[in-house]
PDB file of N, CA and C in Angstrom:
ATOM      1  N   UNK A   1       0.842  -1.174   0.000  1.00  0.00           N
ATOM      2  CA  UNK A   1       0.000   0.000   0.000  1.00  0.00           C
ATOM      3  C   UNK A   1       0.892   1.243   0.000  1.00  0.00           C
ATOM      4  N   UNK A   2       0.412   2.275  -0.585  1.00  0.00           N
ATOM      5  CA  UNK A   2       1.088   3.556  -0.640  1.00  0.00           C
ATOM      6  C   UNK A   2       1.340   4.078   0.775  1.00  0.00           C
ATOM      7  N   UNK A   3       2.504   4.675   1.011  1.00  0.00           N
ATOM      8  CA  UNK A   3       2.887   5.168   2.336  1.00  0.00           C
ATOM      9  C   UNK A   3       1.914   6.231   2.845  1.00  0.00           C
ATOM     10  N   UNK A   4       1.443   7.087   1.959  1.00  0.00           N
ATOM     11  CA  UNK A   4       0.495   8.131   2.357  1.00  0.00           C
ATOM     12  C   UNK A   4      -0.818   7.506   2.823  1.00  0.00           C
ATOM     13  N   UNK A   5      -1.265   6.495   2.090  1.00  0.00           N
ATOM     14  CA  UNK A   5      -2.512   5.816   2.460  1.00  0.00           C
ATOM     15  C   UNK A   5      -2.358   5.141   3.810  1.00  0.00           C
ATOM     16  N   UNK A   6      -1.213   4.469   4.030  1.00  0.00           N
ATOM     17  CA  UNK A   6      -0.963   3.813   5.308  1.00  0.00           C
ATOM     18  C   UNK A   6      -0.956   4.817   6.453  1.00  0.00           C
ATOM     19  N   UNK A   7      -0.340   5.974   6.232  1.00  0.00           N
ATOM     20  CA  UNK A   7      -0.285   7.010   7.254  1.00  0.00           C
ATOM     21  C   UNK A   7      -1.695   7.505   7.587  1.00  0.00           C
ATOM     22  N   UNK A   8      -2.496   7.698   6.558  1.00  0.00           N
ATOM     23  CA  UNK A   8      -3.874   8.155   6.766  1.00  0.00           C
ATOM     24  C   UNK A   8      -4.680   7.074   7.497  1.00  0.00           C
ATOM     25  N   UNK A   9      -4.484   5.816   7.134  1.00  0.00           N
ATOM     26  CA  UNK A   9      -5.191   4.723   7.810  1.00  0.00           C
ATOM     27  C   UNK A   9      -4.816   4.661   9.283  1.00  0.00           C
ATOM     28  N   UNK A  10      -3.528   4.852   9.609  1.00  0.00           N
ATOM     29  CA  UNK A  10      -3.088   4.870  10.999  1.00  0.00           C
ATOM     30  C   UNK A  10      -3.726   6.043  11.747  1.00  0.00           C
ATOM     31  N   UNK A  11      -3.783   7.179  11.089  1.00  0.00           N
ATOM     32  CA  UNK A  11      -4.393   8.365  11.710  1.00  0.00           C
ATOM     33  C   UNK A  11      -5.884   8.138  11.939  1.00  0.00           C
ATOM     34  N   UNK A  12      -6.543   7.478  11.010  1.00  0.00           N
ATOM     35  CA  UNK A  12      -7.970   7.144  11.171  1.00  0.00           C
ATOM     36  C   UNK A  12      -8.151   6.240  12.380  1.00  0.00           C
ATOM     37  N   UNK A  13      -7.335   5.193  12.490  1.00  0.00           N
ATOM     38  CA  UNK A  13      -7.430   4.272  13.621  1.00  0.00           C
ATOM     39  C   UNK A  13      -7.185   4.994  14.946  1.00  0.00           C
ATOM     40  N   UNK A  14      -6.182   5.862  14.960  1.00  0.00           N
ATOM     41  CA  UNK A  14      -5.864   6.631  16.153  1.00  0.00           C
ATOM     42  C   UNK A  14      -7.049   7.524  16.540  1.00  0.00           C
ATOM     43  N   UNK A  15      -7.633   8.172  15.571  1.00  0.00           N
ATOM     44  CA  UNK A  15      -8.771   9.061  15.816  1.00  0.00           C
ATOM     45  C   UNK A  15      -9.978   8.274  16.304  1.00  0.00           C
ATOM     46  N   UNK A  16     -10.240   7.118  15.711  1.00  0.00           N
ATOM     47  CA  UNK A  16     -11.351   6.272  16.155  1.00  0.00           C
ATOM     48  C   UNK A  16     -11.157   5.846  17.608  1.00  0.00           C
ATOM     49  N   UNK A  17      -9.927   5.523  17.967  1.00  0.00           N
ATOM     50  CA  UNK A  17      -9.623   5.148  19.345  1.00  0.00           C
ATOM     51  C   UNK A  17      -9.922   6.288  20.308  1.00  0.00           C
ATOM     52  N   UNK A  18      -9.513   7.494  19.936  1.00  0.00           N
ATOM     53  CA  UNK A  18      -9.785   8.666  20.772  1.00  0.00           C
ATOM     54  C   UNK A  18     -11.282   8.920  20.885  1.00  0.00           C
ATOM     55  N   UNK A  19     -11.995   8.748  19.799  1.00  0.00           N
ATOM     56  CA  UNK A  19     -13.451   8.947  19.814  1.00  0.00           C
ATOM     57  C   UNK A  19     -14.100   7.953  20.769  1.00  0.00           C
ATOM     58  N   UNK A  20     -13.696   6.697  20.690  1.00  0.00           N
ATOM     59  CA  UNK A  20     -14.245   5.668  21.588  1.00  0.00           C
ATOM     60  C   UNK A  20     -13.970   6.006  23.048  1.00  0.00           C
ATOM     61  N   UNK A  21     -12.747   6.472  23.334  1.00  0.00           N
ATOM     62  CA  UNK A  21     -12.406   6.862  24.702  1.00  0.00           C
ATOM     63  C   UNK A  21     -13.295   8.018  25.172  1.00  0.00           C
ATOM     64  N   UNK A  22     -13.486   8.986  24.308  1.00  0.00           N
ATOM     65  CA  UNK A  22     -14.295  10.154  24.676  1.00  0.00           C
ATOM     66  C   UNK A  22     -15.773   9.781  24.837  1.00  0.00           C
ATOM     67  N   UNK A  23     -16.264   8.867  24.010  1.00  0.00           N
ATOM     68  CA  UNK A  23     -17.646   8.412  24.158  1.00  0.00           C
ATOM     69  C   UNK A  23     -17.835   7.686  25.484  1.00  0.00           C
ATOM     70  N   UNK A  24     -16.863   6.871  25.863  1.00  0.00           N
ATOM     71  CA  UNK A  24     -16.936   6.180  27.150  1.00  0.00           C
ATOM     72  C   UNK A  24     -16.909   7.192  28.286  1.00  0.00           C
ATOM     73  N   UNK A  25     -16.063   8.200  28.175  1.00  0.00           N
ATOM     74  CA  UNK A  25     -15.980   9.259  29.191  1.00  0.00           C
ATOM     75  C   UNK A  25     -17.299  10.012  29.274  1.00  0.00           C
ATOM     76  N   UNK A  26     -17.892  10.304  28.132  1.00  0.00           N
ATOM     77  CA  UNK A  26     -19.178  11.005  28.099  1.00  0.00           C
ATOM     78  C   UNK A  26     -20.260  10.184  28.790  1.00  0.00           C
ATOM     79  N   UNK A  27     -20.320   8.888  28.505  1.00  0.00           N
ATOM     80  CA  UNK A  27     -21.308   8.025  29.159  1.00  0.00           C
ATOM     81  C   UNK A  27     -21.122   8.034  30.679  1.00  0.00           C
ATOM     82  N   UNK A  28     -19.865   7.983  31.117  1.00  0.00           N
ATOM     83  CA  UNK A  28     -19.582   8.003  32.555  1.00  0.00           C
ATOM     84  C   UNK A  28     -20.002   9.326  33.177  1.00  0.00           C
ATOM     85  N   UNK A  29     -19.719  10.422  32.504  1.00  0.00           N
ATOM     86  CA  UNK A  29     -20.112  11.738  33.018  1.00  0.00           C
ATOM     87  C   UNK A  29     -21.635  11.887  33.076  1.00  0.00           C
ATOM     88  N   UNK A  30     -22.328  11.377  32.063  1.00  0.00           N
ATOM     89  CA  UNK A  30     -23.797  11.429  32.071  1.00  0.00           C
ATOM     90  C   UNK A  30     -24.356  10.593  33.213  1.00  0.00           C
ATOM     91  N   UNK A  31     -23.737   9.451  33.479  1.00  0.00           N
ATOM     92  CA  UNK A  31     -24.165   8.597  34.586  1.00  0.00           C
ATOM     93  C   UNK A  31     -23.951   9.318  35.919  1.00  0.00           C
ATOM     94  N   UNK A  32     -22.792   9.953  36.077  1.00  0.00           N
ATOM     95  CA  UNK A  32     -22.512  10.710  37.297  1.00  0.00           C
ATOM     96  C   UNK A  32     -23.511  11.847  37.487  1.00  0.00           C
ATOM     97  N   UNK A  33     -23.830  12.535  36.392  1.00  0.00           N
ATOM     98  CA  UNK A  33     -24.784  13.644  36.450  1.00  0.00           C
ATOM     99  C   UNK A  33     -26.144  13.141  36.929  1.00  0.00           C
ATOM    100  N   UNK A  34     -26.601  12.035  36.365  1.00  0.00           N
ATOM    101  CA  UNK A  34     -27.891  11.467  36.763  1.00  0.00           C
ATOM    102  C   UNK A  34     -27.885  11.071  38.229  1.00  0.00           C
ATOM    103  N   UNK A  35     -26.793  10.448  38.674  1.00  0.00           N
ATOM    104  CA  UNK A  35     -26.696  10.059  40.088  1.00  0.00           C
ATOM    105  C   UNK A  35     -26.750  11.281  40.997  1.00  0.00           C
ATOM    106  N   UNK A  36     -26.040  12.342  40.628  1.00  0.00           N
ATOM    107  CA  UNK A  36     -26.039  13.561  41.439  1.00  0.00           C
ATOM    108  C   UNK A  36     -27.415  14.225  41.446  1.00  0.00           C
ATOM    109  N   UNK A  37     -28.087  14.217  40.297  1.00  0.00           N
ATOM    110  CA  UNK A  37     -29.448  14.770  40.243  1.00  0.00           C
ATOM    111  C   UNK A  37     -30.387  13.964  41.139  1.00  0.00           C
ATOM    112  N   UNK A  38     -30.252  12.645  41.101  1.00  0.00           N
ATOM    113  CA  UNK A  38     -31.097  11.791  41.938  1.00  0.00           C
ATOM    114  C   UNK A  38     -30.853  12.060  43.421  1.00  0.00           C
ATOM    115  N   UNK A  39     -29.602  12.240  43.799  1.00  0.00           N
ATOM    116  CA  UNK A  39     -29.282  12.549  45.190  1.00  0.00           C
ATOM    117  C   UNK A  39     -29.904  13.881  45.590  1.00  0.00           C
ATOM    118  N   UNK A  40     -29.815  14.856  44.699  1.00  0.00           N
ATOM    119  CA  UNK A  40     -30.399  16.172  44.984  1.00  0.00           C
ATOM    120  C   UNK A  40     -31.914  16.079  45.146  1.00  0.00           C
ATOM    121  N   UNK A  41     -32.558  15.289  44.298  1.00  0.00           N
ATOM    122  CA  UNK A  41     -34.011  15.112  44.383  1.00  0.00           C
ATOM    123  C   UNK A  41     -34.378  14.462  45.711  1.00  0.00           C
ATOM    124  N   UNK A  42     -33.666  13.414  46.074  1.00  0.00           N
ATOM    125  CA  UNK A  42     -33.946  12.719  47.337  1.00  0.00           C
ATOM    126  C   UNK A  42     -33.739  13.671  48.517  1.00  0.00           C
ATOM    127  N   UNK A  43     -32.644  14.423  48.507  1.00  0.00           N
ATOM    128  CA  UNK A  43     -32.386  15.372  49.588  1.00  0.00           C
ATOM    129  C   UNK A  43     -33.484  16.425  49.685  1.00  0.00           C
ATOM    130  N   UNK A  44     -33.943  16.910  48.545  1.00  0.00           N
ATOM    131  CA  UNK A  44     -35.000  17.917  48.530  1.00  0.00           C
ATOM    132  C   UNK A  44     -36.292  17.351  49.090  1.00  0.00           C
ATOM    133  N   UNK A  45     -36.655  16.160  48.667  1.00  0.00           N
ATOM    134  CA  UNK A  45     -37.894  15.534  49.136  1.00  0.00           C
ATOM    135  C   UNK A  45     -37.807  15.246  50.628  1.00  0.00           C
ATOM    136  N   UNK A  46     -36.676  14.741  51.079  1.00  0.00           N
ATOM    137  CA  UNK A  46     -36.515  14.467  52.511  1.00  0.00           C
ATOM    138  C   UNK A  46     -36.556  15.752  53.326  1.00  0.00           C
ATOM    139  N   UNK A  47     -36.110  16.848  52.737  1.00  0.00           N
ATOM    140  CA  UNK A  47     -36.121  18.131  53.415  1.00  0.00           C
ATOM    141  C   UNK A  47     -37.519  18.706  53.570  1.00  0.00           C
ATOM    142  N   UNK A  48     -38.483  18.140  52.865  1.00  0.00           N
ATOM    143  CA  UNK A  48     -39.864  18.637  52.954  1.00  0.00           C
ATOM    144  C   UNK A  48     -40.520  18.257  54.271  1.00  0.00           C
ATOM    145  N   UNK A  49     -39.974  17.283  54.969  1.00  0.00           N
ATOM    146  CA  UNK A  49     -40.539  16.804  56.229  1.00  0.00           C
ATOM    147  C   UNK A  49     -42.013  16.445  56.038  1.00  0.00           C
ATOM    148  N   UNK A  50     -42.256  15.562  55.074  1.00  0.00           N
ATOM    149  CA  UNK A  50     -43.606  15.124  54.736  1.00  0.00           C
ATOM    150  C   UNK A  50     -43.611  13.598  54.740  1.00  0.00           C
ATOM    151  N   UNK A  51     -44.701  13.020  55.145  1.00  0.00           N
ATOM    152  CA  UNK A  51     -44.769  11.555  55.193  1.00  0.00           C
ATOM    153  C   UNK A  51     -44.788  10.984  53.777  1.00  0.00           C
ATOM    154  N   UNK A  52     -44.413   9.722  53.693  1.00  0.00           N
ATOM    155  CA  UNK A  52     -44.398   9.053  52.391  1.00  0.00           C
ATOM    156  C   UNK A  52     -45.793   9.046  51.761  1.00  0.00           C
ATOM    157  N   UNK A  53     -46.803   8.765  52.569  1.00  0.00           N
ATOM    158  CA  UNK A  53     -48.172   8.727  52.062  1.00  0.00           C
ATOM    159  C   UNK A  53     -48.606  10.107  51.571  1.00  0.00           C
ATOM    160  N   UNK A  54     -48.272  11.149  52.331  1.00  0.00           N
ATOM    161  CA  UNK A  54     -48.624  12.511  51.922  1.00  0.00           C
ATOM    162  C   UNK A  54     -47.885  12.912  50.650  1.00  0.00           C
ATOM    163  N   UNK A  55     -46.618  12.496  50.540  1.00  0.00           N
ATOM    164  CA  UNK A  55     -45.848  12.796  49.337  1.00  0.00           C
ATOM    165  C   UNK A  55     -46.476  12.126  48.119  1.00  0.00           C
ATOM    166  N   UNK A  56     -46.877  10.872  48.276  1.00  0.00           N
ATOM    167  CA  UNK A  56     -47.514  10.155  47.169  1.00  0.00           C
ATOM    168  C   UNK A  56     -48.794  10.861  46.743  1.00  0.00           C
ATOM    169  N   UNK A  57     -49.580  11.298  47.708  1.00  0.00           N
ATOM    170  CA  UNK A  57     -50.821  12.011  47.394  1.00  0.00           C
ATOM    171  C   UNK A  57     -50.528  13.343  46.707  1.00  0.00           C
ATOM    172  N   UNK A  58     -49.505  14.043  47.178  1.00  0.00           N
ATOM    173  CA  UNK A  58     -49.130  15.323  46.581  1.00  0.00           C
ATOM    174  C   UNK A  58     -48.725  15.134  45.118  1.00  0.00           C
ATOM    175  N   UNK A  59     -47.920  14.123  44.857  1.00  0.00           N
ATOM    176  CA  UNK A  59     -47.486  13.863  43.482  1.00  0.00           C
ATOM    177  C   UNK A  59     -48.645  13.404  42.598  1.00  0.00           C
ATOM    178  N   UNK A  60     -49.542  12.602  43.151  1.00  0.00           N
ATOM    179  CA  UNK A  60     -50.732  12.174  42.400  1.00  0.00           C
ATOM    180  C   UNK A  60     -51.591  13.368  42.037  1.00  0.00           C
ATOM    181  N   UNK A  61     -51.786  14.256  42.996  1.00  0.00           N
ATOM    182  CA  UNK A  61     -52.604  15.446  42.753  1.00  0.00           C
ATOM    183  C   UNK A  61     -51.959  16.338  41.699  1.00  0.00           C
ATOM    184  N   UNK A  62     -50.650  16.488  41.779  1.00  0.00           N
ATOM    185  CA  UNK A  62     -49.946  17.308  40.795  1.00  0.00           C
ATOM    186  C   UNK A  62     -50.060  16.706  39.405  1.00  0.00           C
ATOM    187  N   UNK A  63     -49.940  15.403  39.315  1.00  0.00           N
ATOM    188  CA  UNK A  63     -50.032  14.729  38.018  1.00  0.00           C
ATOM    189  C   UNK A  63     -51.457  14.827  37.462  1.00  0.00           C
ATOM    190  N   UNK A  64     -52.443  14.692  38.324  1.00  0.00           N
ATOM    191  CA  UNK A  64     -53.839  14.726  37.885  1.00  0.00           C
ATOM    192  C   UNK A  64     -54.235  16.107  37.367  1.00  0.00           C
ATOM    193  N   UNK A  65     -53.704  17.152  37.966  1.00  0.00           N
ATOM    194  CA  UNK A  65     -54.089  18.502  37.546  1.00  0.00           C
ATOM    195  C   UNK A  65     -53.318  18.975  36.336  1.00  0.00           C
ATOM    196  N   UNK A  66     -52.077  18.506  36.189  1.00  0.00           N
ATOM    197  CA  UNK A  66     -51.256  19.023  35.095  1.00  0.00           C
ATOM    198  C   UNK A  66     -50.914  17.978  34.045  1.00  0.00           C
ATOM    199  N   UNK A  67     -51.005  16.726  34.390  1.00  0.00           N
ATOM    200  CA  UNK A  67     -50.608  15.669  33.470  1.00  0.00           C
ATOM    201  C   UNK A  67     -49.131  15.385  33.549  1.00  0.00           C
ATOM    202  N   UNK A  68     -48.365  16.284  34.171  1.00  0.00           N
ATOM    203  CA  UNK A  68     -46.926  16.103  34.308  1.00  0.00           C
ATOM    204  C   UNK A  68     -46.491  16.675  35.635  1.00  0.00           C
ATOM    205  N   UNK A  69     -45.312  16.266  36.057  1.00  0.00           N
ATOM    206  CA  UNK A  69     -44.730  16.780  37.290  1.00  0.00           C
ATOM    207  C   UNK A  69     -43.341  17.299  36.958  1.00  0.00           C
ATOM    208  N   UNK A  70     -42.974  18.449  37.453  1.00  0.00           N
ATOM    209  CA  UNK A  70     -41.623  18.955  37.304  1.00  0.00           C
ATOM    210  C   UNK A  70     -41.472  19.969  36.199  1.00  0.00           C
ATOM    211  N   UNK A  71     -40.231  20.226  35.797  1.00  0.00           N
ATOM    212  CA  UNK A  71     -39.918  21.274  34.832  1.00  0.00           C
ATOM    213  C   UNK A  71     -40.575  21.095  33.476  1.00  0.00           C
ATOM    214  N   UNK A  72     -40.920  19.869  33.121  1.00  0.00           N
ATOM    215  CA  UNK A  72     -41.535  19.641  31.822  1.00  0.00           C
ATOM    216  C   UNK A  72     -42.878  20.345  31.721  1.00  0.00           C
ATOM    217  N   UNK A  73     -43.473  20.676  32.855  1.00  0.00           N
ATOM    218  CA  UNK A  73     -44.760  21.350  32.874  1.00  0.00           C
ATOM    219  C   UNK A  73     -44.692  22.664  32.107  1.00  0.00           C
ATOM    220  N   UNK A  74     -43.641  23.441  32.301  1.00  0.00           N
ATOM    221  CA  UNK A  74     -43.515  24.727  31.622  1.00  0.00           C
ATOM    222  C   UNK A  74     -43.455  24.530  30.116  1.00  0.00           C
ATOM    223  N   UNK A  75     -42.754  23.531  29.663  1.00  0.00           N
ATOM    224  CA  UNK A  75     -42.654  23.251  28.233  1.00  0.00           C
ATOM    225  C   UNK A  75     -44.010  22.839  27.689  1.00  0.00           C
ATOM    226  N   UNK A  76     -44.704  21.963  28.405  1.00  0.00           N
ATOM    227  CA  UNK A  76     -46.016  21.504  27.955  1.00  0.00           C
ATOM    228  C   UNK A  76     -47.016  22.648  27.942  1.00  0.00           C
ATOM    229  N   UNK A  77     -46.971  23.506  28.950  1.00  0.00           N
ATOM    230  CA  UNK A  77     -47.890  24.638  29.008  1.00  0.00           C
ATOM    231  C   UNK A  77     -47.621  25.587  27.862  1.00  0.00           C
ATOM    232  N   UNK A  78     -46.351  25.871  27.587  1.00  0.00           N
ATOM    233  CA  UNK A  78     -45.990  26.763  26.491  1.00  0.00           C
ATOM    234  C   UNK A  78     -46.441  26.176  25.158  1.00  0.00           C
ATOM    235  N   UNK A  79     -46.208  24.887  24.957  1.00  0.00           N
ATOM    236  CA  UNK A  79     -46.599  24.236  23.706  1.00  0.00           C
ATOM    237  C   UNK A  79     -48.115  24.269  23.540  1.00  0.00           C
ATOM    238  N   UNK A  80     -48.844  24.042  24.610  1.00  0.00           N
ATOM    239  CA  UNK A  80     -50.305  24.041  24.534  1.00  0.00           C
ATOM    240  C   UNK A  80     -50.831  25.441  24.246  1.00  0.00           C
ATOM    241  N   UNK A  81     -50.166  26.466  24.770  1.00  0.00           N
ATOM    242  CA  UNK A  81     -50.641  27.828  24.544  1.00  0.00           C
ATOM    243  C   UNK A  81     -50.328  28.308  23.140  1.00  0.00           C
ATOM    244  N   UNK A  82     -49.337  27.713  22.495  1.00  0.00           N
ATOM    245  CA  UNK A  82     -48.989  28.112  21.137  1.00  0.00           C
ATOM    246  C   UNK A  82     -50.052  27.646  20.156  1.00  0.00           C
ATOM    247  N   UNK A  83     -50.421  26.375  20.235  1.00  0.00           N
ATOM    248  CA  UNK A  83     -51.413  25.839  19.316  1.00  0.00           C
ATOM    249  C   UNK A  83     -52.272  24.801  20.030  1.00  0.00           C
ATOM    250  N   UNK A  84     -53.288  25.252  20.759  1.00  0.00           N
ATOM    251  CA  UNK A  84     -54.103  24.307  21.516  1.00  0.00           C
ATOM    252  C   UNK A  84     -54.860  23.325  20.630  1.00  0.00           C
ATOM    253  N   UNK A  85     -55.039  23.621  19.383  1.00  0.00           N
ATOM    254  CA  UNK A  85     -55.749  22.723  18.482  1.00  0.00           C
ATOM    255  C   UNK A  85     -54.974  21.452  18.198  1.00  0.00           C
ATOM    256  N   UNK A  86     -53.647  21.516  18.329  1.00  0.00           N
ATOM    257  CA  UNK A  86     -52.807  20.357  18.056  1.00  0.00           C
ATOM    258  C   UNK A  86     -52.622  19.460  19.267  1.00  0.00           C
ATOM    259  N   UNK A  87     -53.043  19.899  20.428  1.00  0.00           N
ATOM    260  CA  UNK A  87     -52.838  19.104  21.642  1.00  0.00           C
ATOM    261  C   UNK A  87     -53.640  17.814  21.557  1.00  0.00           C
ATOM    262  N   UNK A  88     -52.971  16.687  21.857  1.00  0.00           N
ATOM    263  CA  UNK A  88     -53.704  15.427  21.862  1.00  0.00           C
ATOM    264  C   UNK A  88     -54.226  15.166  23.269  1.00  0.00           C
ATOM    265  N   UNK A  89     -55.004  14.136  23.428  1.00  0.00           N
ATOM    266  CA  UNK A  89     -55.590  13.851  24.729  1.00  0.00           C
ATOM    267  C   UNK A  89     -54.902  12.673  25.401  1.00  0.00           C
ATOM    268  N   UNK A  90     -53.595  12.530  25.181  1.00  0.00           N
ATOM    269  CA  UNK A  90     -52.837  11.447  25.779  1.00  0.00           C
ATOM    270  C   UNK A  90     -52.910  11.504  27.295  1.00  0.00           C
ATOM    271  N   UNK A  91     -52.772  12.711  27.876  1.00  0.00           N
ATOM    272  CA  UNK A  91     -52.811  12.852  29.333  1.00  0.00           C
ATOM    273  C   UNK A  91     -54.165  12.429  29.872  1.00  0.00           C
ATOM    274  N   UNK A  92     -55.247  12.773  29.148  1.00  0.00           N
ATOM    275  CA  UNK A  92     -56.580  12.386  29.586  1.00  0.00           C
ATOM    276  C   UNK A  92     -56.736  10.874  29.590  1.00  0.00           C
ATOM    277  N   UNK A  93     -56.172  10.212  28.589  1.00  0.00           N
ATOM    278  CA  UNK A  93     -56.254   8.758  28.522  1.00  0.00           C
ATOM    279  C   UNK A  93     -55.521   8.132  29.692  1.00  0.00           C
ATOM    280  N   UNK A  94     -54.333   8.689  30.026  1.00  0.00           N
ATOM    281  CA  UNK A  94     -53.563   8.154  31.145  1.00  0.00           C
ATOM    282  C   UNK A  94     -54.291   8.333  32.446  1.00  0.00           C
ATOM    283  N   UNK A  95     -54.941   9.485  32.643  1.00  0.00           N
ATOM    284  CA  UNK A  95     -55.684   9.731  33.877  1.00  0.00           C
ATOM    285  C   UNK A  95     -56.855   8.755  34.023  1.00  0.00           C
ATOM    286  N   UNK A  96     -57.525   8.461  32.906  1.00  0.00           N
ATOM    287  CA  UNK A  96     -58.669   7.568  32.951  1.00  0.00           C
ATOM    288  C   UNK A  96     -58.255   6.141  33.268  1.00  0.00           C
ATOM    289  N   UNK A  97     -57.015   5.772  32.894  1.00  0.00           N
ATOM    290  CA  UNK A  97     -56.560   4.411  33.151  1.00  0.00           C
ATOM    291  C   UNK A  97     -56.217   4.197  34.608  1.00  0.00           C
ATOM    292  N   UNK A  98     -55.898   5.263  35.373  1.00  0.00           N
ATOM    293  CA  UNK A  98     -55.512   5.112  36.777  1.00  0.00           C
ATOM    294  C   UNK A  98     -56.653   4.835  37.645  1.00  0.00           C
TER     295      UNK A  98
END
């Protein structure tokens, strides 16, 4: 094989190796982020000083009134206010199944 082609092939292999390493690092960082978010959520909920049963009822009530719980609510509300005609009744179906 031509020396230039061999050099390019080696560089491709080297680059692929670096990409694989970085993808593995990214997966690990995403996993760490999720774990830290989960810890923060647990700490926040425990800081509410509310019983487990009351917390379950609070979350059920929030889900029943909005169809969602958490930050996604703002996105859903904004989307619904932009074009309410396009909103499907998926949330209504889920509520009826409970």
